[in-house]
Amino acid sequence: TITNTKSTNYADSMKGRFTISRDNAKNTVYLQMNSLKPED
């Protein structure tokens, strides 16, 4: 989750691997996913 002030929160299993971000100028939210596993 990312708030309107860009504070973020992650599920435990995603911490350190996934990054959420937003670009309000583009009305877009992103999820960068690294070190992907089959269970993802």
All heavy atoms as atom14 arrays in JSON, in Angstrom:
{
  "sequence": "TITNTKSTNYADSMKGRFTISRDNAKNTVYLQMNSLKPED",
  "atom14_mask": [
    [1, 1, 1, 1, 1, 1, 1, 0, 0, 0, 0, 0, 0, 0],
    [1, 1, 1, 1, 1, 1, 1, 1, 0, 0, 0, 0, 0, 0],
    [1, 1, 1, 1, 1, 1, 1, 0, 0, 0, 0, 0, 0, 0],
    [1, 1, 1, 1, 1, 1, 1, 1, 0, 0, 0, 0, 0, 0],
    [1, 1, 1, 1, 1, 1, 1, 0, 0, 0, 0, 0, 0, 0],
    [1, 1, 1, 1, 1, 1, 1, 1, 1, 0, 0, 0, 0, 0],
    [1, 1, 1, 1, 1, 1, 0, 0, 0, 0, 0, 0, 0, 0],
    [1, 1, 1, 1, 1, 1, 1, 0, 0, 0, 0, 0, 0, 0],
    [1, 1, 1, 1, 1, 1, 1, 1, 0, 0, 0, 0, 0, 0],
    [1, 1, 1, 1, 1, 1, 1, 1, 1, 1, 1, 1, 0, 0],
    [1, 1, 1, 1, 1, 0, 0, 0, 0, 0, 0, 0, 0, 0],
    [1, 1, 1, 1, 1, 1, 1, 1, 0, 0, 0, 0, 0, 0],
    [1, 1, 1, 1, 1, 1, 0, 0, 0, 0, 0, 0, 0, 0],
    [1, 1, 1, 1, 1, 1, 1, 1, 0, 0, 0, 0, 0, 0],
    [1, 1, 1, 1, 1, 1, 1, 1, 1, 0, 0, 0, 0, 0],
    [1, 1, 1, 1, 0, 0, 0, 0, 0, 0, 0, 0, 0, 0],
    [1, 1, 1, 1, 1, 1, 1, 1, 1, 1, 1, 0, 0, 0],
    [1, 1, 1, 1, 1, 1, 1, 1, 1, 1, 1, 0, 0, 0],
    [1, 1, 1, 1, 1, 1, 1, 0, 0, 0, 0, 0, 0, 0],
    [1, 1, 1, 1, 1, 1, 1, 1, 0, 0, 0, 0, 0, 0],
    [1, 1, 1, 1, 1, 1, 0, 0, 0, 0, 0, 0, 0, 0],
    [1, 1, 1, 1, 1, 1, 1, 1, 1, 1, 1, 0, 0, 0],
    [1, 1, 1, 1, 1, 1, 1, 1, 0, 0, 0, 0, 0, 0],
    [1, 1, 1, 1, 1, 1, 1, 1, 0, 0, 0, 0, 0, 0],
    [1, 1, 1, 1, 1, 0, 0, 0, 0, 0, 0, 0, 0, 0],
    [1, 1, 1, 1, 1, 1, 1, 1, 1, 0, 0, 0, 0, 0],
    [1, 1, 1, 1, 1, 1, 1, 1, 0, 0, 0, 0, 0, 0],
    [1, 1, 1, 1, 1, 1, 1, 0, 0, 0, 0, 0, 0, 0],
    [1, 1, 1, 1, 1, 1, 1, 0, 0, 0, 0, 0, 0, 0],
    [1, 1, 1, 1, 1, 1, 1, 1, 1, 1, 1, 1, 0, 0],
    [1, 1, 1, 1, 1, 1, 1, 1, 0, 0, 0, 0, 0, 0],
    [1, 1, 1, 1, 1, 1, 1, 1, 1, 0, 0, 0, 0, 0],
    [1, 1, 1, 1, 1, 1, 1, 1, 0, 0, 0, 0, 0, 0],
    [1, 1, 1, 1, 1, 1, 1, 1, 0, 0, 0, 0, 0, 0],
    [1, 1, 1, 1, 1, 1, 0, 0, 0, 0, 0, 0, 0, 0],
    [1, 1, 1, 1, 1, 1, 1, 1, 0, 0, 0, 0, 0, 0],
    [1, 1, 1, 1, 1, 1, 1, 1, 1, 0, 0, 0, 0, 0],
    [1, 1, 1, 1, 1, 1, 1, 0, 0, 0, 0, 0, 0, 0],
    [1, 1, 1, 1, 1, 1, 1, 1, 1, 0, 0, 0, 0, 0],
    [1, 1, 1, 1, 1, 1, 1, 1, 0, 0, 0, 0, 0, 0]
  ],
  "atom14_positions": [
    [[0.84, -1.19, 0.0], [0.0, 0.0, 0.0], [0.87, 1.23, 0.0], [1.93, 1.25, 0.63], [-0.9, 0.01, 1.24], [-1.8, -1.11, 1.17], [-1.71, 1.28, 1.32], [0.0, 0.0, 0.0], [0.0, 0.0, 0.0], [0.0, 0.0, 0.0], [0.0, 0.0, 0.0], [0.0, 0.0, 0.0], [0.0, 0.0, 0.0], [0.0, 0.0, 0.0]],
    [[0.4, 2.26, -0.69], [1.06, 3.57, -0.66], [-0.02, 4.63, -0.45], [-1.02, 4.65, -1.15], [1.92, 3.82, -1.93], [2.69, 5.13, -1.81], [1.07, 3.78, -3.2], [3.81, 5.25, -2.84], [0.0, 0.0, 0.0], [0.0, 0.0, 0.0], [0.0, 0.0, 0.0], [0.0, 0.0, 0.0], [0.0, 0.0, 0.0], [0.0, 0.0, 0.0]],
    [[0.2, 5.5, 0.52], [-0.79, 6.53, 0.83], [-0.62, 7.74, -0.07], [0.3, 7.81, -0.9], [-0.66, 6.99, 2.29], [0.58, 7.71, 2.42], [-0.66, 5.81, 3.25], [0.0, 0.0, 0.0], [0.0, 0.0, 0.0], [0.0, 0.0, 0.0], [0.0, 0.0, 0.0], [0.0, 0.0, 0.0], [0.0, 0.0, 0.0], [0.0, 0.0, 0.0]],
    [[-1.5, 8.73, 0.13], [-1.41, 9.95, -0.67], [-0.16, 10.75, -0.3], [0.3, 11.58, -1.09], [-2.66, 10.8, -0.5], [-2.91, 11.2, 0.94], [-2.52, 10.49, 1.86], [-3.55, 12.33, 1.14], [0.0, 0.0, 0.0], [0.0, 0.0, 0.0], [0.0, 0.0, 0.0], [0.0, 0.0, 0.0], [0.0, 0.0, 0.0], [0.0, 0.0, 0.0]],
    [[0.43, 10.49, 0.87], [1.69, 11.15, 1.25], [2.9, 10.26, 0.97], [4.0, 10.55, 1.43], [1.66, 11.51, 2.74], [1.46, 10.31, 3.51], [0.55, 12.5, 3.05], [0.0, 0.0, 0.0], [0.0, 0.0, 0.0], [0.0, 0.0, 0.0], [0.0, 0.0, 0.0], [0.0, 0.0, 0.0], [0.0, 0.0, 0.0], [0.0, 0.0, 0.0]],
    [[2.67, 9.16, 0.24], [3.72, 8.24, -0.2], [4.33, 7.41, 0.92], [5.44, 6.9, 0.8], [4.8, 8.94, -1.03], [4.23, 9.59, -2.28], [5.29, 10.09, -3.23], [4.66, 10.65, -4.5], [5.66, 11.16, -5.46], [0.0, 0.0, 0.0], [0.0, 0.0, 0.0], [0.0, 0.0, 0.0], [0.0, 0.0, 0.0], [0.0, 0.0, 0.0]],
    [[3.61, 7.27, 2.01], [3.99, 6.31, 3.03], [3.64, 4.92, 2.53], [2.58, 4.72, 1.92], [3.23, 6.61, 4.32], [3.5, 5.63, 5.3], [0.0, 0.0, 0.0], [0.0, 0.0, 0.0], [0.0, 0.0, 0.0], [0.0, 0.0, 0.0], [0.0, 0.0, 0.0], [0.0, 0.0, 0.0], [0.0, 0.0, 0.0], [0.0, 0.0, 0.0]],
    [[4.52, 3.95, 2.76], [4.32, 2.62, 2.2], [4.23, 1.55, 3.29], [4.74, 1.72, 4.4], [5.45, 2.25, 1.24], [6.7, 2.28, 1.95], [5.51, 3.21, 0.07], [0.0, 0.0, 0.0], [0.0, 0.0, 0.0], [0.0, 0.0, 0.0], [0.0, 0.0, 0.0], [0.0, 0.0, 0.0], [0.0, 0.0, 0.0], [0.0, 0.0, 0.0]],
    [[3.58, 0.45, 2.91], [3.46, -0.68, 3.81], [3.43, -1.94, 2.95], [2.85, -1.93, 1.85], [2.18, -0.59, 4.63], [2.12, -1.64, 5.71], [3.1, -1.89, 6.4], [0.98, -2.28, 5.85], [0.0, 0.0, 0.0], [0.0, 0.0, 0.0], [0.0, 0.0, 0.0], [0.0, 0.0, 0.0], [0.0, 0.0, 0.0], [0.0, 0.0, 0.0]],
    [[4.04, -3.01, 3.47], [4.16, -4.25, 2.7], [3.74, -5.46, 3.52], [3.95, -5.5, 4.74], [5.61, -4.46, 2.25], [6.14, -3.39, 1.34], [6.75, -2.26, 1.86], [6.01, -3.5, -0.04], [7.23, -1.26, 1.03], [6.49, -2.51, -0.88], [7.1, -1.4, -0.34], [7.57, -0.42, -1.18], [0.0, 0.0, 0.0], [0.0, 0.0, 0.0]],
    [[3.22, -6.46, 2.82], [3.04, -7.75, 3.46], [4.43, -8.32, 3.78], [5.39, -8.06, 3.05], [2.29, -8.7, 2.54], [0.0, 0.0, 0.0], [0.0, 0.0, 0.0], [0.0, 0.0, 0.0], [0.0, 0.0, 0.0], [0.0, 0.0, 0.0], [0.0, 0.0, 0.0], [0.0, 0.0, 0.0], [0.0, 0.0, 0.0], [0.0, 0.0, 0.0]],
    [[4.51, -9.07, 4.86], [5.82, -9.54, 5.33], [6.62, -10.29, 4.27], [7.83, -10.11, 4.13], [5.65, -10.43, 6.56], [5.28, -9.63, 7.8], [5.49, -8.4, 7.79], [4.8, -10.23, 8.77], [0.0, 0.0, 0.0], [0.0, 0.0, 0.0], [0.0, 0.0, 0.0], [0.0, 0.0, 0.0], [0.0, 0.0, 0.0], [0.0, 0.0, 0.0]],
    [[5.94, -11.12, 3.5], [6.65, -11.96, 2.53], [7.19, -11.17, 1.34], [7.99, -11.7, 0.57], [5.73, -13.08, 2.03], [4.61, -12.55, 1.37], [0.0, 0.0, 0.0], [0.0, 0.0, 0.0], [0.0, 0.0, 0.0], [0.0, 0.0, 0.0], [0.0, 0.0, 0.0], [0.0, 0.0, 0.0], [0.0, 0.0, 0.0], [0.0, 0.0, 0.0]],
    [[6.78, -9.92, 1.19], [7.22, -9.08, 0.08], [8.29, -8.08, 0.48], [8.93, -7.49, -0.37], [6.04, -8.31, -0.52], [5.09, -9.15, -1.34], [4.15, -10.27, -0.3], [2.81, -10.75, -1.35], [0.0, 0.0, 0.0], [0.0, 0.0, 0.0], [0.0, 0.0, 0.0], [0.0, 0.0, 0.0], [0.0, 0.0, 0.0], [0.0, 0.0, 0.0]],
    [[8.47, -7.88, 1.78], [9.43, -6.88, 2.24], [10.83, -7.2, 1.73], [11.3, -8.33, 1.83], [9.44, -6.81, 3.77], [8.19, -6.18, 4.35], [8.25, -6.14, 5.87], [6.98, -5.52, 6.44], [6.98, -5.54, 7.93], [0.0, 0.0, 0.0], [0.0, 0.0, 0.0], [0.0, 0.0, 0.0], [0.0, 0.0, 0.0], [0.0, 0.0, 0.0]],
    [[11.47, -6.19, 1.17], [12.81, -6.35, 0.64], [12.87, -6.83, -0.8], [13.91, -6.75, -1.43], [0.0, 0.0, 0.0], [0.0, 0.0, 0.0], [0.0, 0.0, 0.0], [0.0, 0.0, 0.0], [0.0, 0.0, 0.0], [0.0, 0.0, 0.0], [0.0, 0.0, 0.0], [0.0, 0.0, 0.0], [0.0, 0.0, 0.0], [0.0, 0.0, 0.0]],
    [[11.75, -7.33, -1.31], [11.72, -7.81, -2.69], [10.86, -6.92, -3.59], [11.16, -6.74, -4.76], [11.19, -9.24, -2.76], [12.02, -10.26, -2.04], [11.59, -11.68, -2.39], [10.21, -11.94, -2.05], [9.3, -12.4, -2.93], [9.65, -12.65, -4.19], [8.06, -12.64, -2.54], [0.0, 0.0, 0.0], [0.0, 0.0, 0.0], [0.0, 0.0, 0.0]],
    [[9.77, -6.41, -3.04], [8.82, -5.6, -3.81], [8.89, -4.15, -3.36], [9.09, -3.86, -2.18], [7.39, -6.1, -3.61], [7.1, -7.45, -4.22], [8.09, -8.25, -4.76], [5.79, -7.93, -4.23], [7.8, -9.49, -5.31], [5.49, -9.17, -4.77], [6.5, -9.95, -5.31], [0.0, 0.0, 0.0], [0.0, 0.0, 0.0], [0.0, 0.0, 0.0]],
    [[8.67, -3.24, -4.31], [8.63, -1.82, -4.0], [7.44, -1.18, -4.7], [7.29, -1.29, -5.92], [9.91, -1.11, -4.47], [11.05, -1.72, -3.85], [9.87, 0.36, -4.08], [0.0, 0.0, 0.0], [0.0, 0.0, 0.0], [0.0, 0.0, 0.0], [0.0, 0.0, 0.0], [0.0, 0.0, 0.0], [0.0, 0.0, 0.0], [0.0, 0.0, 0.0]],
    [[6.59, -0.54, -3.91], [5.46, 0.19, -4.47], [5.83, 1.67, -4.57], [6.51, 2.21, -3.7], [4.19, -0.01, -3.61], [2.96, 0.56, -4.31], [4.35, 0.57, -2.21], [1.64, 0.19, -3.63], [0.0, 0.0, 0.0], [0.0, 0.0, 0.0], [0.0, 0.0, 0.0], [0.0, 0.0, 0.0], [0.0, 0.0, 0.0], [0.0, 0.0, 0.0]],
    [[5.37, 2.3, -5.64], [5.63, 3.73, -5.82], [4.47, 4.32, -6.62], [3.67, 3.58, -7.2], [6.96, 3.97, -6.53], [6.96, 3.38, -7.82], [0.0, 0.0, 0.0], [0.0, 0.0, 0.0], [0.0, 0.0, 0.0], [0.0, 0.0, 0.0], [0.0, 0.0, 0.0], [0.0, 0.0, 0.0], [0.0, 0.0, 0.0], [0.0, 0.0, 0.0]],
    [[4.4, 5.63, -6.63], [3.35, 6.3, -7.39], [3.9, 7.55, -8.04], [4.8, 8.2, -7.51], [2.15, 6.62, -6.5], [2.41, 7.64, -5.42], [1.25, 7.69, -4.42], [0.0, 8.12, -5.05], [-1.2, 7.93, -4.49], [-1.31, 7.32, -3.32], [-2.29, 8.36, -5.11], [0.0, 0.0, 0.0], [0.0, 0.0, 0.0], [0.0, 0.0, 0.0]],
    [[3.31, 7.89, -9.18], [3.61, 9.12, -9.89], [2.29, 9.84, -10.06], [1.49, 9.49, -10.95], [4.27, 8.81, -11.23], [4.73, 10.06, -11.96], [4.18, 11.15, -11.68], [5.61, 9.95, -12.82], [0.0, 0.0, 0.0], [0.0, 0.0, 0.0], [0.0, 0.0, 0.0], [0.0, 0.0, 0.0], [0.0, 0.0, 0.0], [0.0, 0.0, 0.0]],
    [[2.05, 10.82, -9.22], [0.75, 11.51, -9.27], [0.59, 12.33, -10.56], [-0.54, 12.56, -11.0], [0.6, 12.4, -8.05], [0.4, 11.6, -6.77], [-0.04, 10.45, -6.8], [0.74, 12.2, -5.64], [0.0, 0.0, 0.0], [0.0, 0.0, 0.0], [0.0, 0.0, 0.0], [0.0, 0.0, 0.0], [0.0, 0.0, 0.0], [0.0, 0.0, 0.0]],
    [[1.68, 12.75, -11.15], [1.58, 13.49, -12.4], [1.1, 12.6, -13.54], [0.49, 13.07, -14.5], [2.93, 14.1, -12.75], [0.0, 0.0, 0.0], [0.0, 0.0, 0.0], [0.0, 0.0, 0.0], [0.0, 0.0, 0.0], [0.0, 0.0, 0.0], [0.0, 0.0, 0.0], [0.0, 0.0, 0.0], [0.0, 0.0, 0.0], [0.0, 0.0, 0.0]],
    [[1.38, 11.29, -13.43], [0.96, 10.34, -14.46], [-0.24, 9.51, -14.03], [-0.66, 8.61, -14.76], [2.13, 9.42, -14.81], [3.31, 10.13, -15.45], [4.4, 9.14, -15.83], [5.56, 9.85, -16.51], [6.65, 8.9, -16.89], [0.0, 0.0, 0.0], [0.0, 0.0, 0.0], [0.0, 0.0, 0.0], [0.0, 0.0, 0.0], [0.0, 0.0, 0.0]],
    [[-0.77, 9.77, -12.83], [-1.91, 8.99, -12.32], [-1.62, 7.49, -12.37], [-2.47, 6.69, -12.78], [-3.18, 9.3, -13.1], [-3.75, 10.67, -12.76], [-3.24, 11.36, -11.87], [-4.78, 11.06, -13.47], [0.0, 0.0, 0.0], [0.0, 0.0, 0.0], [0.0, 0.0, 0.0], [0.0, 0.0, 0.0], [0.0, 0.0, 0.0], [0.0, 0.0, 0.0]],
    [[-0.43, 7.13, -11.96], [0.01, 5.74, -12.08], [0.68, 5.27, -10.79], [1.45, 6.02, -10.19], [0.96, 5.57, -13.26], [0.31, 5.99, -14.47], [1.4, 4.12, -13.42], [0.0, 0.0, 0.0], [0.0, 0.0, 0.0], [0.0, 0.0, 0.0], [0.0, 0.0, 0.0], [0.0, 0.0, 0.0], [0.0, 0.0, 0.0], [0.0, 0.0, 0.0]],
    [[0.37, 4.05, -10.42], [1.04, 3.39, -9.31], [1.81, 2.19, -9.87], [1.35, 1.54, -10.82], [0.05, 2.98, -8.2], [-0.97, 1.99, -8.7], [0.79, 2.42, -6.99], [0.0, 0.0, 0.0], [0.0, 0.0, 0.0], [0.0, 0.0, 0.0], [0.0, 0.0, 0.0], [0.0, 0.0, 0.0], [0.0, 0.0, 0.0], [0.0, 0.0, 0.0]],
    [[2.96, 1.93, -9.3], [3.85, 0.88, -9.79], [4.11, -0.15, -8.7], [4.04, 0.14, -7.51], [5.18, 1.48, -10.24], [5.06, 2.56, -11.28], [5.07, 3.9, -10.92], [4.93, 2.24, -12.63], [4.96, 4.9, -11.87], [4.82, 3.23, -13.59], [4.83, 4.56, -13.2], [4.71, 5.54, -14.15], [0.0, 0.0, 0.0], [0.0, 0.0, 0.0]],
    [[4.47, -1.34, -9.16], [4.97, -2.36, -8.25], [6.2, -2.99, -8.9], [6.07, -3.71, -9.9], [3.92, -3.43, -7.96], [4.34, -4.47, -6.92], [4.45, -3.83, -5.54], [3.35, -5.63, -6.89], [0.0, 0.0, 0.0], [0.0, 0.0, 0.0], [0.0, 0.0, 0.0], [0.0, 0.0, 0.0], [0.0, 0.0, 0.0], [0.0, 0.0, 0.0]],
    [[7.36, -2.68, -8.34], [8.6, -3.3, -8.79], [8.79, -4.6, -8.0], [8.82, -4.57, -6.77], [9.79, -2.37, -8.56], [11.12, -2.96, -8.94], [11.27, -3.18, -10.43], [10.89, -2.35, -11.24], [11.83, -4.34, -10.81], [0.0, 0.0, 0.0], [0.0, 0.0, 0.0], [0.0, 0.0, 0.0], [0.0, 0.0, 0.0], [0.0, 0.0, 0.0]],
    [[8.91, -5.69, -8.73], [9.02, -7.01, -8.1], [10.36, -7.64, -8.49], [10.61, -7.85, -9.69], [7.87, -7.91, -8.54], [6.5, -7.31, -8.26], [5.15, -8.46, -8.59], [5.32, -8.68, -10.35], [0.0, 0.0, 0.0], [0.0, 0.0, 0.0], [0.0, 0.0, 0.0], [0.0, 0.0, 0.0], [0.0, 0.0, 0.0], [0.0, 0.0, 0.0]],
    [[11.19, -7.89, -7.5], [12.5, -8.5, -7.73], [12.57, -9.85, -7.04], [11.75, -10.18, -6.18], [13.6, -7.59, -7.2], [13.63, -6.24, -7.88], [13.33, -6.11, -9.07], [13.98, -5.21, -7.12], [0.0, 0.0, 0.0], [0.0, 0.0, 0.0], [0.0, 0.0, 0.0], [0.0, 0.0, 0.0], [0.0, 0.0, 0.0], [0.0, 0.0, 0.0]],
    [[13.57, -10.63, -7.41], [13.79, -11.95, -6.8], [12.52, -12.77, -6.76], [12.14, -13.34, -5.73], [14.36, -11.78, -5.38], [15.56, -11.05, -5.4], [0.0, 0.0, 0.0], [0.0, 0.0, 0.0], [0.0, 0.0, 0.0], [0.0, 0.0, 0.0], [0.0, 0.0, 0.0], [0.0, 0.0, 0.0], [0.0, 0.0, 0.0], [0.0, 0.0, 0.0]],
    [[11.85, -12.82, -7.89], [10.55, -13.48, -7.95], [10.67, -14.98, -7.73], [11.65, -15.62, -8.14], [9.87, -13.19, -9.28], [9.25, -11.78, -9.36], [8.99, -11.38, -10.79], [7.98, -11.71, -8.55], [0.0, 0.0, 0.0], [0.0, 0.0, 0.0], [0.0, 0.0, 0.0], [0.0, 0.0, 0.0], [0.0, 0.0, 0.0], [0.0, 0.0, 0.0]],
    [[9.65, -15.53, -7.07], [9.59, -16.95, -6.73], [8.35, -17.57, -7.37], [7.37, -16.85, -7.63], [9.51, -17.11, -5.22], [10.6, -16.4, -4.44], [10.33, -16.49, -2.95], [11.39, -15.73, -2.15], [11.13, -15.82, -0.68], [0.0, 0.0, 0.0], [0.0, 0.0, 0.0], [0.0, 0.0, 0.0], [0.0, 0.0, 0.0], [0.0, 0.0, 0.0]],
    [[8.35, -18.87, -7.57], [7.14, -19.51, -8.13], [5.89, -19.21, -7.3], [4.8, -19.09, -7.88], [7.5, -20.99, -8.09], [8.98, -21.02, -8.24], [9.47, -19.81, -7.47], [0.0, 0.0, 0.0], [0.0, 0.0, 0.0], [0.0, 0.0, 0.0], [0.0, 0.0, 0.0], [0.0, 0.0, 0.0], [0.0, 0.0, 0.0], [0.0, 0.0, 0.0]],
    [[6.02, -19.06, -6.01], [4.85, -18.77, -5.18], [4.33, -17.35, -5.34], [3.29, -17.0, -4.76], [5.16, -19.05, -3.69], [6.41, -18.4, -3.16], [7.61, -19.33, -3.2], [7.78, -20.07, -4.2], [8.38, -19.31, -2.22], [0.0, 0.0, 0.0], [0.0, 0.0, 0.0], [0.0, 0.0, 0.0], [0.0, 0.0, 0.0], [0.0, 0.0, 0.0]],
    [[5.04, -16.52, -6.09], [4.52, -15.19, -6.42], [3.55, -15.23, -7.6], [2.96, -14.21, -7.95], [5.67, -14.24, -6.76], [6.57, -13.96, -5.57], [6.03, -13.77, -4.45], [7.8, -13.94, -5.74], [0.0, 0.0, 0.0], [0.0, 0.0, 0.0], [0.0, 0.0, 0.0], [0.0, 0.0, 0.0], [0.0, 0.0, 0.0], [0.0, 0.0, 0.0]]
  ]
}
